[in-house]
C-alpha atoms as a PDB file:
ATOM      1  CA  ASP A   1      91.542 105.603  73.311  1.00  0.00           C
ATOM      2  CA  SER A   2      94.954 104.237  74.114  1.00  0.00           C
ATOM      3  CA  HIS A   3      95.252 106.594  77.153  1.00  0.00           C
ATOM      4  CA  ILE A   4      91.810 105.574  78.482  1.00  0.00           C
ATOM      5  CA  ARG A   5      92.596 101.871  78.005  1.00  0.00           C
ATOM      6  CA  GLY A   6      95.943 102.342  79.827  1.00  0.00           C
ATOM      7  CA  GLN A   7      94.130 104.119  82.688  1.00  0.00           C
ATOM      8  CA  HIS A   8      91.685 101.239  83.051  1.00  0.00           C
ATOM      9  CA  GLU A   9      94.481  98.708  83.010  1.00  0.00           C
ATOM     10  CA  SER A  10      96.407 100.632  85.657  1.00  0.00           C
ATOM     11  CA  LEU A  11      93.343 100.844  87.873  1.00  0.00           C
ATOM     12  CA  GLU A  12      92.749  97.121  87.528  1.00  0.00           C
ATOM     13  CA  HIS A  13      96.406  96.407  88.400  1.00  0.00           C
ATOM     14  CA  ILE A  14      96.077  98.550  91.518  1.00  0.00           C
ATOM     15  CA  ARG A  15      92.800  96.880  92.454  1.00  0.00           C
ATOM     16  CA  GLN A  16      94.427  93.427  92.151  1.00  0.00           C
ATOM     17  CA  ALA A  17      97.505  94.580  94.093  1.00  0.00           C
ATOM     18  CA  LEU A  18      95.217  95.664  96.974  1.00  0.00           C
ATOM     19  CA  GLN A  19      93.455  92.304  96.923  1.00  0.00           C
ATOM     20  CA  ARG A  20      96.778  90.410  96.853  1.00  0.00           C
ATOM     21  CA  GLY A  21      98.265  92.430  99.739  1.00  0.00           C
ATOM     22  CA  GLU A  22     101.056  94.056  97.747  1.00  0.00           C
ATOM     23  CA  PHE A  23     100.814  97.396  99.458  1.00  0.00           C
ATOM     24  CA  VAL A  24     102.925  98.139 102.541  1.00  0.00           C
ATOM     25  CA  LEU A  25     103.204 100.988 104.956  1.00  0.00           C
ATOM     26  CA  HIS A  26     106.576 102.470 105.873  1.00  0.00           C
ATOM     27  CA  TYR A  27     106.762 104.601 108.952  1.00  0.00           C
ATOM     28  CA  GLN A  28     108.892 107.738 108.757  1.00  0.00           C
ATOM     29  CA  PRO A  29     109.918 108.894 112.211  1.00  0.00           C
ATOM     30  CA  GLN A  30     109.050 112.375 113.316  1.00  0.00           C
ATOM     31  CA  VAL A  31     111.919 113.648 115.444  1.00  0.00           C
ATOM     32  CA  ASN A  32     112.166 116.579 117.856  1.00  0.00           C
ATOM     33  CA  MET A  33     115.231 118.242 116.497  1.00  0.00           C
ATOM     34  CA  ARG A  34     116.167 119.800 119.834  1.00  0.00           C
ATOM     35  CA  THR A  35     116.134 116.596 121.872  1.00  0.00           C
ATOM     36  CA  GLY A  36     116.586 113.942 119.186  1.00  0.00           C
ATOM     37  CA  ALA A  37     113.559 112.053 120.556  1.00  0.00           C
ATOM     38  CA  VAL A  38     111.171 110.322 118.231  1.00  0.00           C
ATOM     39  CA  VAL A  39     107.792 111.955 118.849  1.00  0.00           C
ATOM     40  CA  GLY A  40     105.656 110.204 116.208  1.00  0.00           C
ATOM     41  CA  ALA A  41     105.681 108.634 112.809  1.00  0.00           C
ATOM     42  CA  GLU A  42     104.077 109.243 109.438  1.00  0.00           C
ATOM     43  CA  ALA A  43     102.552 106.295 107.624  1.00  0.00           C
ATOM     44  CA  LEU A  44     103.688 106.240 103.980  1.00  0.00           C
ATOM     45  CA  ILE A  45     102.230 103.839 101.452  1.00  0.00           C
ATOM     46  CA  ARG A  46     104.399 101.860  99.038  1.00  0.00           C
ATOM     47  CA  TRP A  47     103.584  99.247  96.437  1.00  0.00           C
ATOM     48  CA  GLN A  48     105.734  96.117  96.668  1.00  0.00           C
ATOM     49  CA  HIS A  49     105.229  95.258  92.983  1.00  0.00           C
ATOM     50  CA  PRO A  50     106.135  91.639  92.130  1.00  0.00           C
ATOM     51  CA  GLN A  51     108.027  92.594  88.986  1.00  0.00           C
ATOM     52  CA  ARG A  52     109.010  96.268  89.379  1.00  0.00           C
ATOM     53  CA  GLY A  53     110.043  96.224  93.021  1.00  0.00           C
ATOM     54  CA  LEU A  54     109.098  98.909  95.564  1.00  0.00           C
ATOM     55  CA  LEU A  55     107.092 101.675  93.966  1.00  0.00           C
ATOM     56  CA  LEU A  56     106.682 105.149  95.481  1.00  0.00           C
ATOM     57  CA  PRO A  57     103.185 106.681  95.737  1.00  0.00           C
ATOM     58  CA  GLY A  58     103.786 109.112  92.904  1.00  0.00           C
ATOM     59  CA  VAL A  59     103.657 106.146  90.531  1.00  0.00           C
ATOM     60  CA  PHE A  60     100.207 104.873  91.523  1.00  0.00           C
ATOM     61  CA  LEU A  61      98.306 107.399  93.657  1.00  0.00           C
ATOM     62  CA  PRO A  62      97.660 109.847  90.761  1.00  0.00           C
ATOM     63  CA  VAL A  63      95.998 106.987  88.905  1.00  0.00           C
ATOM     64  CA  VAL A  64      93.397 106.367  91.639  1.00  0.00           C
ATOM     65  CA  GLU A  65      92.993 109.990  92.817  1.00  0.00           C
ATOM     66  CA  ASP A  66      89.681 110.602  91.029  1.00  0.00           C
ATOM     67  CA  HIS A  67      88.458 107.030  91.242  1.00  0.00           C
ATOM     68  CA  ALA A  68      86.436 105.167  93.923  1.00  0.00           C
ATOM     69  CA  LEU A  69      89.460 102.905  94.437  1.00  0.00           C
ATOM     70  CA  ALA A  70      91.106 105.862  96.252  1.00  0.00           C
ATOM     71  CA  VAL A  71      88.635 105.302  99.052  1.00  0.00           C
ATOM     72  CA  ASP A  72      89.430 101.592  99.329  1.00  0.00           C
ATOM     73  CA  LEU A  73      93.115 102.292  99.328  1.00  0.00           C
ATOM     74  CA  GLY A  74      92.743 105.046 101.943  1.00  0.00           C
ATOM     75  CA  THR A  75      90.671 102.821 104.134  1.00  0.00           C
ATOM     76  CA  TRP A  76      93.361 100.078 103.876  1.00  0.00           C
ATOM     77  CA  VAL A  77      95.992 102.656 104.930  1.00  0.00           C
ATOM     78  CA  LEU A  78      93.997 103.795 108.014  1.00  0.00           C
ATOM     79  CA  GLU A  79      93.203 100.222 109.119  1.00  0.00           C
ATOM     80  CA  THR A  80      96.779  99.042 108.597  1.00  0.00           C
ATOM     81  CA  ALA A  81      98.208 102.038 110.556  1.00  0.00           C
ATOM     82  CA  LEU A  82      95.763 101.451 113.419  1.00  0.00           C
ATOM     83  CA  ASP A  83      96.684  97.752 113.494  1.00  0.00           C
ATOM     84  CA  GLN A  84     100.406  98.655 113.647  1.00  0.00           C
ATOM     85  CA  MET A  85      99.794 101.204 116.397  1.00  0.00           C
ATOM     86  CA  ASP A  86      97.991  98.521 118.363  1.00  0.00           C
ATOM     87  CA  ARG A  87     100.950  96.113 117.950  1.00  0.00           C
ATOM     88  CA  TRP A  88     103.363  98.796 119.055  1.00  0.00           C
ATOM     89  CA  ARG A  89     101.184  99.601 122.091  1.00  0.00           C
ATOM     90  CA  ALA A  90     101.054  95.922 123.063  1.00  0.00           C
ATOM     91  CA  ALA A  91     104.870  95.856 122.855  1.00  0.00           C
ATOM     92  CA  GLY A  92     105.086  98.913 125.191  1.00  0.00           C
ATOM     93  CA  LEU A  93     105.535 101.656 122.563  1.00  0.00           C
ATOM     94  CA  THR A  94     102.953 104.393 122.365  1.00  0.00           C
ATOM     95  CA  LEU A  95     103.714 106.401 119.264  1.00  0.00           C
ATOM     96  CA  PRO A  96     101.349 108.839 117.513  1.00  0.00           C
ATOM     97  CA  VAL A  97     100.980 108.217 113.810  1.00  0.00           C
ATOM     98  CA  SER A  98     100.039 110.586 111.042  1.00  0.00           C
ATOM     99  CA  VAL A  99      98.096 109.231 108.051  1.00  0.00           C
ATOM    100  CA  ASN A 100      97.436 111.094 104.802  1.00  0.00           C
ATOM    101  CA  VAL A 101      93.824 111.175 103.754  1.00  0.00           C
ATOM    102  CA  GLY A 102      92.898 111.905 100.141  1.00  0.00           C
ATOM    103  CA  ALA A 103      90.253 114.362  99.034  1.00  0.00           C
ATOM    104  CA  ARG A 104      87.904 111.678  97.704  1.00  0.00           C
ATOM    105  CA  GLN A 105      88.032 109.655 100.878  1.00  0.00           C
ATOM    106  CA  LEU A 106      87.539 112.755 103.046  1.00  0.00           C
ATOM    107  CA  GLN A 107      84.430 113.749 101.045  1.00  0.00           C
ATOM    108  CA  GLN A 108      82.650 110.454 101.590  1.00  0.00           C
ATOM    109  CA  PRO A 109      79.409 111.105 103.467  1.00  0.00           C
ATOM    110  CA  ASP A 110      80.177 108.261 105.908  1.00  0.00           C
ATOM    111  CA  PHE A 111      83.869 109.128 106.442  1.00  0.00           C
ATOM    112  CA  VAL A 112      83.472 110.064 110.109  1.00  0.00           C
ATOM    113  CA  GLU A 113      81.293 107.054 110.874  1.00  0.00           C
ATOM    114  CA  ARG A 114      83.756 104.680 109.206  1.00  0.00           C
ATOM    115  CA  LEU A 115      86.620 106.230 111.153  1.00  0.00           C
ATOM    116  CA  ARG A 116      84.599 105.841 114.356  1.00  0.00           C
ATOM    117  CA  GLU A 117      84.121 102.138 113.540  1.00  0.00           C
ATOM    118  CA  MET A 118      87.834 101.644 112.854  1.00  0.00           C
ATOM    119  CA  LEU A 119      88.720 103.352 116.152  1.00  0.00           C
ATOM    120  CA  GLY A 120      86.155 101.160 117.912  1.00  0.00           C
ATOM    121  CA  ARG A 121      88.058  98.049 116.709  1.00  0.00           C
ATOM    122  CA  HIS A 122      91.097  99.387 118.615  1.00  0.00           C
ATOM    123  CA  PRO A 123      89.642 100.311 122.024  1.00  0.00           C
ATOM    124  CA  ASP A 124      93.033 100.435 123.720  1.00  0.00           C
ATOM    125  CA  LEU A 125      94.349 103.102 121.358  1.00  0.00           C
ATOM    126  CA  PRO A 126      93.692 106.675 122.401  1.00  0.00           C
ATOM    127  CA  PRO A 127      92.142 108.394 119.401  1.00  0.00           C
ATOM    128  CA  ARG A 128      94.479 111.397 119.968  1.00  0.00           C
ATOM    129  CA  SER A 129      97.371 109.133 118.897  1.00  0.00           C
ATOM    130  CA  LEU A 130      96.024 109.307 115.321  1.00  0.00           C
ATOM    131  CA  GLU A 131      96.475 112.429 113.233  1.00  0.00           C
ATOM    132  CA  LEU A 132      94.968 112.785 109.772  1.00  0.00           C
ATOM    133  CA  GLU A 133      96.808 114.890 107.249  1.00  0.00           C
ATOM    134  CA  ILE A 134      95.030 116.515 104.354  1.00  0.00           C
ATOM    135  CA  LEU A 135      96.501 118.463 101.525  1.00  0.00           C
ATOM    136  CA  GLU A 136      95.657 122.132 101.445  1.00  0.00           C
ATOM    137  CA  THR A 137      94.201 121.671  97.935  1.00  0.00           C
ATOM    138  CA  SER A 138      91.852 118.962  99.251  1.00  0.00           C
ATOM    139  CA  ALA A 139      90.581 121.305 101.919  1.00  0.00           C
ATOM    140  CA  LEU A 140      89.888 124.023  99.352  1.00  0.00           C
ATOM    141  CA  MET A 141      87.712 121.782  97.207  1.00  0.00           C
ATOM    142  CA  ASP A 142      84.719 122.070  99.599  1.00  0.00           C
ATOM    143  CA  MET A 143      85.792 124.183 102.575  1.00  0.00           C
ATOM    144  CA  ALA A 144      82.506 123.870 104.475  1.00  0.00           C
ATOM    145  CA  GLN A 145      82.359 120.057 104.170  1.00  0.00           C
ATOM    146  CA  VAL A 146      86.027 119.668 105.084  1.00  0.00           C
ATOM    147  CA  ALA A 147      85.605 121.975 108.075  1.00  0.00           C
ATOM    148  CA  ARG A 148      82.628 119.855 109.299  1.00  0.00           C
ATOM    149  CA  VAL A 149      84.664 116.617 108.921  1.00  0.00           C
ATOM    150  CA  ILE A 150      87.634 118.085 110.755  1.00  0.00           C
ATOM    151  CA  ASP A 151      85.405 119.212 113.616  1.00  0.00           C
ATOM    152  CA  ALA A 152      83.622 115.838 113.801  1.00  0.00           C
ATOM    153  CA  CYS A 153      86.942 113.950 113.830  1.00  0.00           C
ATOM    154  CA  GLN A 154      88.329 116.232 116.477  1.00  0.00           C
ATOM    155  CA  HIS A 155      85.170 115.471 118.514  1.00  0.00           C
ATOM    156  CA  LEU A 156      86.255 111.824 118.293  1.00  0.00           C
ATOM    157  CA  GLY A 157      89.701 112.855 119.585  1.00  0.00           C
ATOM    158  CA  VAL A 158      91.523 112.534 116.261  1.00  0.00           C
ATOM    159  CA  GLY A 159      93.869 115.375 115.337  1.00  0.00           C
ATOM    160  CA  PHE A 160      94.192 117.041 111.917  1.00  0.00           C
ATOM    161  CA  ALA A 161      97.112 118.618 110.064  1.00  0.00           C
ATOM    162  CA  LEU A 162      97.086 120.640 106.861  1.00  0.00           C
ATOM    163  CA  ASP A 163      99.882 119.347 104.661  1.00  0.00           C
ATOM    164  CA  ASP A 164     101.753 121.347 102.007  1.00  0.00           C
ATOM    165  CA  PHE A 165     100.169 124.568 103.192  1.00  0.00           C
ATOM    166  CA  GLY A 166     101.097 127.447 100.918  1.00  0.00           C
ATOM    167  CA  THR A 167     101.526 125.342  97.777  1.00  0.00           C
ATOM    168  CA  GLY A 168      97.951 126.062  96.526  1.00  0.00           C
ATOM    169  CA  TYR A 169      95.827 129.161  96.458  1.00  0.00           C
ATOM    170  CA  SER A 170      95.448 129.337 100.209  1.00  0.00           C
ATOM    171  CA  SER A 171      95.197 132.343 102.434  1.00  0.00           C
ATOM    172  CA  LEU A 172      95.752 132.526 106.131  1.00  0.00           C
ATOM    173  CA  THR A 173      92.044 133.431 106.448  1.00  0.00           C
ATOM    174  CA  TYR A 174      91.221 129.739 105.626  1.00  0.00           C
ATOM    175  CA  LEU A 175      92.753 128.770 108.924  1.00  0.00           C
ATOM    176  CA  LYS A 176      89.793 130.446 110.661  1.00  0.00           C
ATOM    177  CA  HIS A 177      87.538 127.813 109.083  1.00  0.00           C
ATOM    178  CA  LEU A 178      89.793 124.774 109.197  1.00  0.00           C
ATOM    179  CA  HIS A 179      90.585 123.932 112.792  1.00  0.00           C
ATOM    180  CA  ALA A 180      93.708 121.885 112.143  1.00  0.00           C
ATOM    181  CA  GLY A 181      96.099 121.427 115.028  1.00  0.00           C
ATOM    182  CA  LEU A 182      99.190 121.403 112.859  1.00  0.00           C
ATOM    183  CA  LEU A 183     100.252 123.273 109.752  1.00  0.00           C
ATOM    184  CA  LYS A 184     102.897 121.657 107.566  1.00  0.00           C
ATOM    185  CA  ILE A 185     104.537 124.166 105.288  1.00  0.00           C
END
């Protein structure tokens, strides 16, 4: 009972933090090690908690992982990253950005349509400048559905990467079904 009550309280705190704008994205540069050139960035969510300071995702993402709030948080991340990419582009910097997408968000029946709408609000951004990263374990939950989503997103021009490949029960044969452009080991 205490655990369940704590879970509900944590979810409510996260919901309120999202409403109050306490989440921020940090952008980790992706660097070509041969040339030293920055070739992209990965959007990483953080919670700027008013009392506890900057919290890493391991503190709050596991709480929302199996809850509908994960979709709201994931949508916020995508919209915020696209807004930032637009600001960078307006300032003369075209930088591809990778965004992690959770399993629950990816499995929403309207995921591709919502992504299409978000991209439509940023008509000057080439869709190929956005790459979605999914964990290998997310892809294995419903291989056929994830493969359809990847293909539909690629049809929009958005790239896909499989993150943490090899940490689950994967096999190289899965790569035949999941047409990701990048494999992160």
